[in-house]
Amino acid sequence: MRSRVLLHVFLTGCFSEMSYRLIIFITTILVSQNVLATPGSVRLKDLLRVEASRDNQLIGYGIVTGLAGTGDSQSANATKQSISNTLRKFGVNVDARLLRSRNSASVMITANLPPYAQAGDKIDVNVTSMGDARSLVSGTLLLTHLVGSDNQIYALTQGPLSVGGYRYDTYGNVVQKNHMTTAQIPGGATIEKTLNNRLTDVDHMMNFILHEPDFTTARRISRILNKHFGQHTAKTINAAH
């Protein structure tokens, strides 16, 4: 839970649209750059964040190919069906039951969509095996779309995997470090759709969330903002919202 401080930046209807945006901009700068601070004080940006500034989780399902016999076994029907569906997109019709999947593996892909990320930006992705593949080393992820909780596509990803582990088996002696069924693709996803991160809500208020819930701190911040911008500018809701 987080403490919440509501900052009213639009009190009456006398401002034009341009003035309204200018007030939001100036208020955000004052808070983020600590213009209100005095020598020896704590910066507001170290205590709180704008509510809209949060990461969003993305997820996707894909196929990794190019594995040297370390992919999913013949019992992984989902992998064989996925390969068949992929080939069908290129005009190649193959019965899934006839496919051999040892060089491929079905995987789940996860990523974080940063706040205010723009179309064309690159983000890192994590890749994990879903089936019984032994290793993802040397694998390449085929083009996969990543969706959010609203099932909308926000990014596309593909590329060679970077596996942070290894396993050697020599004359019965096994040496292994970390897991070989998880991997990453640094900068492997391209953002295709941006989020509408509005600084204000429908009531024209900016919401600030304390990093550490504390009612006293929230009230002090409200008091400082009201002193600088005028009474009824900021209001503390509670310390555990």
C-alpha atoms as a PDB file:
ATOM      1  CA  MET A   1       0.000   0.000   0.000  1.00  0.00           C
ATOM      2  CA  ARG A   2       1.115   3.569  -0.624  1.00  0.00           C
ATOM      3  CA  SER A   3       0.295   6.926   0.894  1.00  0.00           C
ATOM      4  CA  ARG A   4      -1.471   9.279  -1.493  1.00  0.00           C
ATOM      5  CA  VAL A   5      -1.307  13.045  -1.783  1.00  0.00           C
ATOM      6  CA  LEU A   6      -3.739  14.702  -4.183  1.00  0.00           C
ATOM      7  CA  LEU A   7      -2.568  17.960  -5.759  1.00  0.00           C
ATOM      8  CA  HIS A   8      -5.303  20.111  -7.311  1.00  0.00           C
ATOM      9  CA  VAL A   9      -3.801  21.992 -10.246  1.00  0.00           C
ATOM     10  CA  PHE A  10      -7.041  23.237 -11.797  1.00  0.00           C
ATOM     11  CA  LEU A  11      -9.314  24.943  -9.319  1.00  0.00           C
ATOM     12  CA  THR A  12     -11.667  26.967 -11.521  1.00  0.00           C
ATOM     13  CA  GLY A  13     -12.759  27.126 -15.122  1.00  0.00           C
ATOM     14  CA  CYS A  14     -11.089  30.428 -15.854  1.00  0.00           C
ATOM     15  CA  PHE A  15      -7.947  28.961 -17.432  1.00  0.00           C
ATOM     16  CA  SER A  16      -7.558  28.239 -21.114  1.00  0.00           C
ATOM     17  CA  GLU A  17      -6.402  24.823 -22.305  1.00  0.00           C
ATOM     18  CA  MET A  18      -2.879  26.172 -22.874  1.00  0.00           C
ATOM     19  CA  SER A  19      -2.772  27.728 -19.401  1.00  0.00           C
ATOM     20  CA  TYR A  20      -4.022  24.484 -17.894  1.00  0.00           C
ATOM     21  CA  ARG A  21      -1.218  22.486 -19.503  1.00  0.00           C
ATOM     22  CA  LEU A  22       1.324  25.108 -18.461  1.00  0.00           C
ATOM     23  CA  ILE A  23       0.208  24.872 -14.824  1.00  0.00           C
ATOM     24  CA  ILE A  24       0.562  21.080 -14.898  1.00  0.00           C
ATOM     25  CA  PHE A  25       4.031  21.371 -16.412  1.00  0.00           C
ATOM     26  CA  ILE A  26       5.264  23.946 -13.891  1.00  0.00           C
ATOM     27  CA  THR A  27       3.820  22.005 -10.953  1.00  0.00           C
ATOM     28  CA  THR A  28       5.481  18.770 -12.083  1.00  0.00           C
ATOM     29  CA  ILE A  29       8.847  20.509 -12.465  1.00  0.00           C
ATOM     30  CA  LEU A  30       8.586  22.101  -9.028  1.00  0.00           C
ATOM     31  CA  VAL A  31       7.922  18.745  -7.420  1.00  0.00           C
ATOM     32  CA  SER A  32      10.402  16.655  -9.415  1.00  0.00           C
ATOM     33  CA  GLN A  33      13.278  19.144  -9.256  1.00  0.00           C
ATOM     34  CA  ASN A  34      12.627  20.153  -5.662  1.00  0.00           C
ATOM     35  CA  VAL A  35      12.269  23.879  -6.266  1.00  0.00           C
ATOM     36  CA  LEU A  36      10.385  24.069  -2.976  1.00  0.00           C
ATOM     37  CA  ALA A  37      13.306  22.640  -1.026  1.00  0.00           C
ATOM     38  CA  THR A  38      15.643  24.514   1.267  1.00  0.00           C
ATOM     39  CA  PRO A  39      19.267  23.648   2.083  1.00  0.00           C
ATOM     40  CA  GLY A  40      19.451  20.452   4.114  1.00  0.00           C
ATOM     41  CA  SER A  41      15.909  19.329   3.268  1.00  0.00           C
ATOM     42  CA  VAL A  42      14.773  16.148   1.516  1.00  0.00           C
ATOM     43  CA  ARG A  43      13.840  16.290  -2.155  1.00  0.00           C
ATOM     44  CA  LEU A  44      10.181  15.565  -2.868  1.00  0.00           C
ATOM     45  CA  LYS A  45      11.157  13.345  -5.816  1.00  0.00           C
ATOM     46  CA  ASP A  46      12.890  11.049  -3.306  1.00  0.00           C
ATOM     47  CA  LEU A  47       9.677  10.696  -1.279  1.00  0.00           C
ATOM     48  CA  LEU A  48       6.973  10.296  -3.900  1.00  0.00           C
ATOM     49  CA  ARG A  49       6.122   9.628  -7.514  1.00  0.00           C
ATOM     50  CA  VAL A  50       3.331  10.565  -9.872  1.00  0.00           C
ATOM     51  CA  GLU A  51       0.648   7.885  -9.742  1.00  0.00           C
ATOM     52  CA  ALA A  52       0.636   7.472 -13.526  1.00  0.00           C
ATOM     53  CA  SER A  53       4.392   6.740 -13.502  1.00  0.00           C
ATOM     54  CA  ARG A  54       4.289   2.973 -13.130  1.00  0.00           C
ATOM     55  CA  ASP A  55       5.491  -0.028 -15.090  1.00  0.00           C
ATOM     56  CA  ASN A  56       3.007  -2.267 -16.897  1.00  0.00           C
ATOM     57  CA  GLN A  57       3.513  -5.993 -17.373  1.00  0.00           C
ATOM     58  CA  LEU A  58       3.566  -7.576 -20.831  1.00  0.00           C
ATOM     59  CA  ILE A  59       3.387 -11.255 -21.708  1.00  0.00           C
ATOM     60  CA  GLY A  60       3.465 -13.411 -24.811  1.00  0.00           C
ATOM     61  CA  TYR A  61       3.762 -16.991 -26.090  1.00  0.00           C
ATOM     62  CA  GLY A  62       6.300 -17.963 -28.715  1.00  0.00           C
ATOM     63  CA  ILE A  63       8.552 -20.570 -30.266  1.00  0.00           C
ATOM     64  CA  VAL A  64      12.332 -20.820 -29.943  1.00  0.00           C
ATOM     65  CA  THR A  65      14.147 -22.588 -32.777  1.00  0.00           C
ATOM     66  CA  GLY A  66      17.744 -23.532 -33.500  1.00  0.00           C
ATOM     67  CA  LEU A  67      18.266 -25.698 -30.424  1.00  0.00           C
ATOM     68  CA  ALA A  68      20.832 -28.471 -30.873  1.00  0.00           C
ATOM     69  CA  GLY A  69      18.564 -31.342 -29.902  1.00  0.00           C
ATOM     70  CA  THR A  70      17.836 -29.853 -26.474  1.00  0.00           C
ATOM     71  CA  GLY A  71      14.285 -28.691 -27.196  1.00  0.00           C
ATOM     72  CA  ASP A  72      10.916 -30.150 -26.289  1.00  0.00           C
ATOM     73  CA  SER A  73      10.340 -33.881 -26.638  1.00  0.00           C
ATOM     74  CA  GLN A  74       7.758 -35.621 -28.829  1.00  0.00           C
ATOM     75  CA  SER A  75       5.282 -35.537 -25.956  1.00  0.00           C
ATOM     76  CA  ALA A  76       5.113 -31.724 -26.141  1.00  0.00           C
ATOM     77  CA  ASN A  77       2.020 -31.524 -28.332  1.00  0.00           C
ATOM     78  CA  ALA A  78       1.657 -27.760 -27.825  1.00  0.00           C
ATOM     79  CA  THR A  79       5.098 -27.172 -29.348  1.00  0.00           C
ATOM     80  CA  LYS A  80       4.390 -29.340 -32.388  1.00  0.00           C
ATOM     81  CA  GLN A  81       1.031 -27.654 -32.939  1.00  0.00           C
ATOM     82  CA  SER A  82       2.640 -24.211 -32.648  1.00  0.00           C
ATOM     83  CA  ILE A  83       5.280 -25.138 -35.229  1.00  0.00           C
ATOM     84  CA  SER A  84       2.565 -26.400 -37.575  1.00  0.00           C
ATOM     85  CA  ASN A  85       0.594 -23.165 -37.151  1.00  0.00           C
ATOM     86  CA  THR A  86       3.716 -21.094 -37.841  1.00  0.00           C
ATOM     87  CA  LEU A  87       4.534 -23.024 -41.024  1.00  0.00           C
ATOM     88  CA  ARG A  88       0.947 -22.653 -42.208  1.00  0.00           C
ATOM     89  CA  LYS A  89       1.364 -18.854 -42.182  1.00  0.00           C
ATOM     90  CA  PHE A  90       4.065 -19.311 -44.827  1.00  0.00           C
ATOM     91  CA  GLY A  91       1.962 -21.637 -46.970  1.00  0.00           C
ATOM     92  CA  VAL A  92       3.513 -24.877 -45.674  1.00  0.00           C
ATOM     93  CA  ASN A  93       0.922 -27.368 -44.443  1.00  0.00           C
ATOM     94  CA  VAL A  94       2.352 -30.111 -42.242  1.00  0.00           C
ATOM     95  CA  ASP A  95       0.467 -32.362 -39.871  1.00  0.00           C
ATOM     96  CA  ALA A  96       1.594 -31.579 -36.342  1.00  0.00           C
ATOM     97  CA  ARG A  97       1.778 -35.309 -35.549  1.00  0.00           C
ATOM     98  CA  LEU A  98       4.538 -35.747 -38.124  1.00  0.00           C
ATOM     99  CA  LEU A  99       6.806 -33.030 -36.726  1.00  0.00           C
ATOM    100  CA  ARG A 100       9.902 -33.549 -34.606  1.00  0.00           C
ATOM    101  CA  SER A 101      10.361 -30.842 -31.993  1.00  0.00           C
ATOM    102  CA  ARG A 102      13.783 -31.524 -30.476  1.00  0.00           C
ATOM    103  CA  ASN A 103      15.266 -28.411 -32.089  1.00  0.00           C
ATOM    104  CA  SER A 104      12.395 -26.197 -30.907  1.00  0.00           C
ATOM    105  CA  ALA A 105      10.732 -25.222 -27.641  1.00  0.00           C
ATOM    106  CA  SER A 106       7.576 -23.416 -26.614  1.00  0.00           C
ATOM    107  CA  VAL A 107       8.305 -20.463 -24.330  1.00  0.00           C
ATOM    108  CA  MET A 108       6.637 -17.659 -22.416  1.00  0.00           C
ATOM    109  CA  ILE A 109       7.977 -14.135 -22.833  1.00  0.00           C
ATOM    110  CA  THR A 110       7.602 -11.403 -20.211  1.00  0.00           C
ATOM    111  CA  ALA A 111       8.635  -7.749 -20.187  1.00  0.00           C
ATOM    112  CA  ASN A 112       8.053  -4.470 -18.375  1.00  0.00           C
ATOM    113  CA  LEU A 113       6.585  -1.524 -20.274  1.00  0.00           C
ATOM    114  CA  PRO A 114       8.061   1.617 -18.647  1.00  0.00           C
ATOM    115  CA  PRO A 115       5.917   4.704 -18.071  1.00  0.00           C
ATOM    116  CA  TYR A 116       5.967   7.240 -20.896  1.00  0.00           C
ATOM    117  CA  ALA A 117       7.675   4.753 -23.247  1.00  0.00           C
ATOM    118  CA  GLN A 118       7.227   5.736 -26.880  1.00  0.00           C
ATOM    119  CA  ALA A 119       6.676   3.715 -30.033  1.00  0.00           C
ATOM    120  CA  GLY A 120      10.012   2.525 -31.384  1.00  0.00           C
ATOM    121  CA  ASP A 121      11.711   2.311 -27.980  1.00  0.00           C
ATOM    122  CA  LYS A 122      13.516  -0.922 -27.096  1.00  0.00           C
ATOM    123  CA  ILE A 123      12.917  -2.948 -23.916  1.00  0.00           C
ATOM    124  CA  ASP A 124      14.464  -6.133 -22.516  1.00  0.00           C
ATOM    125  CA  VAL A 125      12.505  -9.390 -22.483  1.00  0.00           C
ATOM    126  CA  ASN A 126      12.730 -12.546 -20.378  1.00  0.00           C
ATOM    127  CA  VAL A 127      12.184 -15.955 -21.988  1.00  0.00           C
ATOM    128  CA  THR A 128      11.319 -19.124 -20.060  1.00  0.00           C
ATOM    129  CA  SER A 129      10.689 -22.657 -21.281  1.00  0.00           C
ATOM    130  CA  MET A 130       7.163 -24.068 -20.937  1.00  0.00           C
ATOM    131  CA  GLY A 131       7.793 -27.668 -21.928  1.00  0.00           C
ATOM    132  CA  ASP A 132      10.487 -30.222 -21.149  1.00  0.00           C
ATOM    133  CA  ALA A 133      13.352 -28.620 -23.080  1.00  0.00           C
ATOM    134  CA  ARG A 134      16.746 -29.242 -21.497  1.00  0.00           C
ATOM    135  CA  SER A 135      18.395 -26.036 -22.681  1.00  0.00           C
ATOM    136  CA  LEU A 136      17.686 -22.850 -24.637  1.00  0.00           C
ATOM    137  CA  VAL A 137      21.343 -22.300 -25.564  1.00  0.00           C
ATOM    138  CA  SER A 138      21.829 -21.260 -29.219  1.00  0.00           C
ATOM    139  CA  GLY A 139      18.099 -20.666 -29.638  1.00  0.00           C
ATOM    140  CA  THR A 140      16.385 -17.843 -31.520  1.00  0.00           C
ATOM    141  CA  LEU A 141      12.943 -16.547 -30.639  1.00  0.00           C
ATOM    142  CA  LEU A 142      10.558 -16.207 -33.565  1.00  0.00           C
ATOM    143  CA  LEU A 143       8.502 -13.034 -33.971  1.00  0.00           C
ATOM    144  CA  THR A 144       6.090 -12.788 -31.043  1.00  0.00           C
ATOM    145  CA  HIS A 145       3.661 -10.107 -29.940  1.00  0.00           C
ATOM    146  CA  LEU A 146       3.469  -9.024 -26.299  1.00  0.00           C
ATOM    147  CA  VAL A 147       0.122  -8.069 -24.809  1.00  0.00           C
ATOM    148  CA  GLY A 148      -0.951  -6.244 -21.674  1.00  0.00           C
ATOM    149  CA  SER A 149      -3.678  -7.076 -19.168  1.00  0.00           C
ATOM    150  CA  ASP A 150      -6.212  -5.608 -21.619  1.00  0.00           C
ATOM    151  CA  ASN A 151      -5.104  -8.138 -24.277  1.00  0.00           C
ATOM    152  CA  GLN A 152      -3.884  -5.321 -26.537  1.00  0.00           C
ATOM    153  CA  ILE A 153      -0.576  -5.682 -28.411  1.00  0.00           C
ATOM    154  CA  TYR A 154       2.038  -3.239 -27.088  1.00  0.00           C
ATOM    155  CA  ALA A 155       5.332  -4.690 -28.357  1.00  0.00           C
ATOM    156  CA  LEU A 156       6.901  -7.142 -30.807  1.00  0.00           C
ATOM    157  CA  THR A 157       9.955  -9.240 -30.030  1.00  0.00           C
ATOM    158  CA  GLN A 158      12.310 -11.666 -31.723  1.00  0.00           C
ATOM    159  CA  GLY A 159      16.006 -12.482 -31.822  1.00  0.00           C
ATOM    160  CA  PRO A 160      18.780 -14.717 -30.464  1.00  0.00           C
ATOM    161  CA  LEU A 161      18.634 -15.684 -26.807  1.00  0.00           C
ATOM    162  CA  SER A 162      21.259 -14.890 -24.198  1.00  0.00           C
ATOM    163  CA  VAL A 163      21.426 -17.723 -21.663  1.00  0.00           C
ATOM    164  CA  GLY A 164      23.208 -17.017 -18.394  1.00  0.00           C
ATOM    165  CA  GLY A 165      23.950 -20.617 -17.454  1.00  0.00           C
ATOM    166  CA  TYR A 166      25.799 -23.706 -18.626  1.00  0.00           C
ATOM    167  CA  ARG A 167      25.902 -27.474 -18.094  1.00  0.00           C
ATOM    168  CA  TYR A 168      28.725 -29.877 -18.866  1.00  0.00           C
ATOM    169  CA  ASP A 169      28.523 -33.643 -18.577  1.00  0.00           C
ATOM    170  CA  THR A 170      31.903 -35.353 -18.987  1.00  0.00           C
ATOM    171  CA  TYR A 171      32.364 -38.983 -18.062  1.00  0.00           C
ATOM    172  CA  GLY A 172      29.454 -38.834 -15.653  1.00  0.00           C
ATOM    173  CA  ASN A 173      30.627 -35.633 -13.975  1.00  0.00           C
ATOM    174  CA  VAL A 174      27.980 -32.913 -14.289  1.00  0.00           C
ATOM    175  CA  VAL A 175      28.869 -29.262 -13.821  1.00  0.00           C
ATOM    176  CA  GLN A 176      26.000 -26.780 -13.975  1.00  0.00           C
ATOM    177  CA  LYS A 177      25.599 -23.095 -13.164  1.00  0.00           C
ATOM    178  CA  ASN A 178      22.264 -21.296 -13.085  1.00  0.00           C
ATOM    179  CA  HIS A 179      19.350 -22.483 -15.202  1.00  0.00           C
ATOM    180  CA  MET A 180      19.597 -23.158 -18.923  1.00  0.00           C
ATOM    181  CA  THR A 181      15.860 -23.000 -19.545  1.00  0.00           C
ATOM    182  CA  THR A 182      15.612 -19.250 -18.923  1.00  0.00           C
ATOM    183  CA  ALA A 183      17.101 -16.550 -21.115  1.00  0.00           C
ATOM    184  CA  GLN A 184      16.988 -12.874 -22.000  1.00  0.00           C
ATOM    185  CA  ILE A 185      17.019 -10.743 -25.122  1.00  0.00           C
ATOM    186  CA  PRO A 186      18.507  -7.356 -24.198  1.00  0.00           C
ATOM    187  CA  GLY A 187      16.627  -4.690 -26.118  1.00  0.00           C
ATOM    188  CA  GLY A 188      14.830  -7.491 -27.928  1.00  0.00           C
ATOM    189  CA  ALA A 189      11.333  -5.971 -27.994  1.00  0.00           C
ATOM    190  CA  THR A 190      10.168  -2.914 -29.925  1.00  0.00           C
ATOM    191  CA  ILE A 191       7.278  -0.925 -28.491  1.00  0.00           C
ATOM    192  CA  GLU A 192       4.460  -0.563 -31.012  1.00  0.00           C
ATOM    193  CA  LYS A 193       1.797   1.118 -28.899  1.00  0.00           C
ATOM    194  CA  THR A 194       2.081   3.663 -26.102  1.00  0.00           C
ATOM    195  CA  LEU A 195      -0.011   4.058 -22.977  1.00  0.00           C
ATOM    196  CA  ASN A 196      -2.059   7.137 -22.245  1.00  0.00           C
ATOM    197  CA  ASN A 197      -0.237   8.229 -19.080  1.00  0.00           C
ATOM    198  CA  ARG A 198      -2.189  11.349 -18.144  1.00  0.00           C
ATOM    199  CA  LEU A 199      -0.729  13.466 -15.365  1.00  0.00           C
ATOM    200  CA  THR A 200      -4.203  14.342 -14.094  1.00  0.00           C
ATOM    201  CA  ASP A 201      -7.421  12.404 -13.533  1.00  0.00           C
ATOM    202  CA  VAL A 202     -10.943  13.310 -14.647  1.00  0.00           C
ATOM    203  CA  ASP A 203     -11.238  15.801 -11.771  1.00  0.00           C
ATOM    204  CA  HIS A 204      -8.074  17.645 -12.939  1.00  0.00           C
ATOM    205  CA  MET A 205      -6.042  16.464  -9.952  1.00  0.00           C
ATOM    206  CA  MET A 206      -2.483  15.146  -9.885  1.00  0.00           C
ATOM    207  CA  ASN A 207      -2.036  12.099  -7.679  1.00  0.00           C
ATOM    208  CA  PHE A 208       1.266  11.537  -5.881  1.00  0.00           C
ATOM    209  CA  ILE A 209       2.153   8.264  -4.153  1.00  0.00           C
ATOM    210  CA  LEU A 210       4.644   8.101  -1.284  1.00  0.00           C
ATOM    211  CA  HIS A 211       7.321   5.451  -1.621  1.00  0.00           C
ATOM    212  CA  GLU A 212       6.981   4.658   2.093  1.00  0.00           C
ATOM    213  CA  PRO A 213       3.468   4.986   3.604  1.00  0.00           C
ATOM    214  CA  ASP A 214       3.491   7.534   6.394  1.00  0.00           C
ATOM    215  CA  PHE A 215       0.564   9.766   7.321  1.00  0.00           C
ATOM    216  CA  THR A 216       2.766  12.381   8.986  1.00  0.00           C
ATOM    217  CA  THR A 217       4.966  12.747   5.913  1.00  0.00           C
ATOM    218  CA  ALA A 218       1.929  12.973   3.651  1.00  0.00           C
ATOM    219  CA  ARG A 219       0.403  15.756   5.755  1.00  0.00           C
ATOM    220  CA  ARG A 220       3.682  17.681   5.844  1.00  0.00           C
ATOM    221  CA  ILE A 221       3.965  17.544   2.060  1.00  0.00           C
ATOM    222  CA  SER A 222       0.396  18.777   1.702  1.00  0.00           C
ATOM    223  CA  ARG A 223       1.067  21.623   4.106  1.00  0.00           C
ATOM    224  CA  ILE A 224       4.189  22.722   2.169  1.00  0.00           C
ATOM    225  CA  LEU A 225       2.376  22.613  -1.185  1.00  0.00           C
ATOM    226  CA  ASN A 226      -0.575  24.566   0.209  1.00  0.00           C
ATOM    227  CA  LYS A 227       1.775  27.170   1.637  1.00  0.00           C
ATOM    228  CA  HIS A 228       3.496  27.608  -1.721  1.00  0.00           C
ATOM    229  CA  PHE A 229       0.509  27.359  -4.105  1.00  0.00           C
ATOM    230  CA  GLY A 230      -2.339  28.472  -1.851  1.00  0.00           C
ATOM    231  CA  GLN A 231      -4.865  26.800   0.427  1.00  0.00           C
ATOM    232  CA  HIS A 232      -6.863  23.783  -0.828  1.00  0.00           C
ATOM    233  CA  THR A 233      -4.260  23.058  -3.493  1.00  0.00           C
ATOM    234  CA  ALA A 234      -3.129  19.746  -1.968  1.00  0.00           C
ATOM    235  CA  LYS A 235      -5.007  17.249   0.160  1.00  0.00           C
ATOM    236  CA  THR A 236      -3.895  14.091   1.985  1.00  0.00           C
ATOM    237  CA  ILE A 237      -6.283  11.152   1.599  1.00  0.00           C
ATOM    238  CA  ASN A 238      -4.659   8.636   3.969  1.00  0.00           C
ATOM    239  CA  ALA A 239      -1.370   6.944   4.732  1.00  0.00           C
ATOM    240  CA  ALA A 240      -2.140   3.475   3.392  1.00  0.00           C
ATOM    241  CA  HIS A 241      -3.984   3.845   0.124  1.00  0.00           C
END
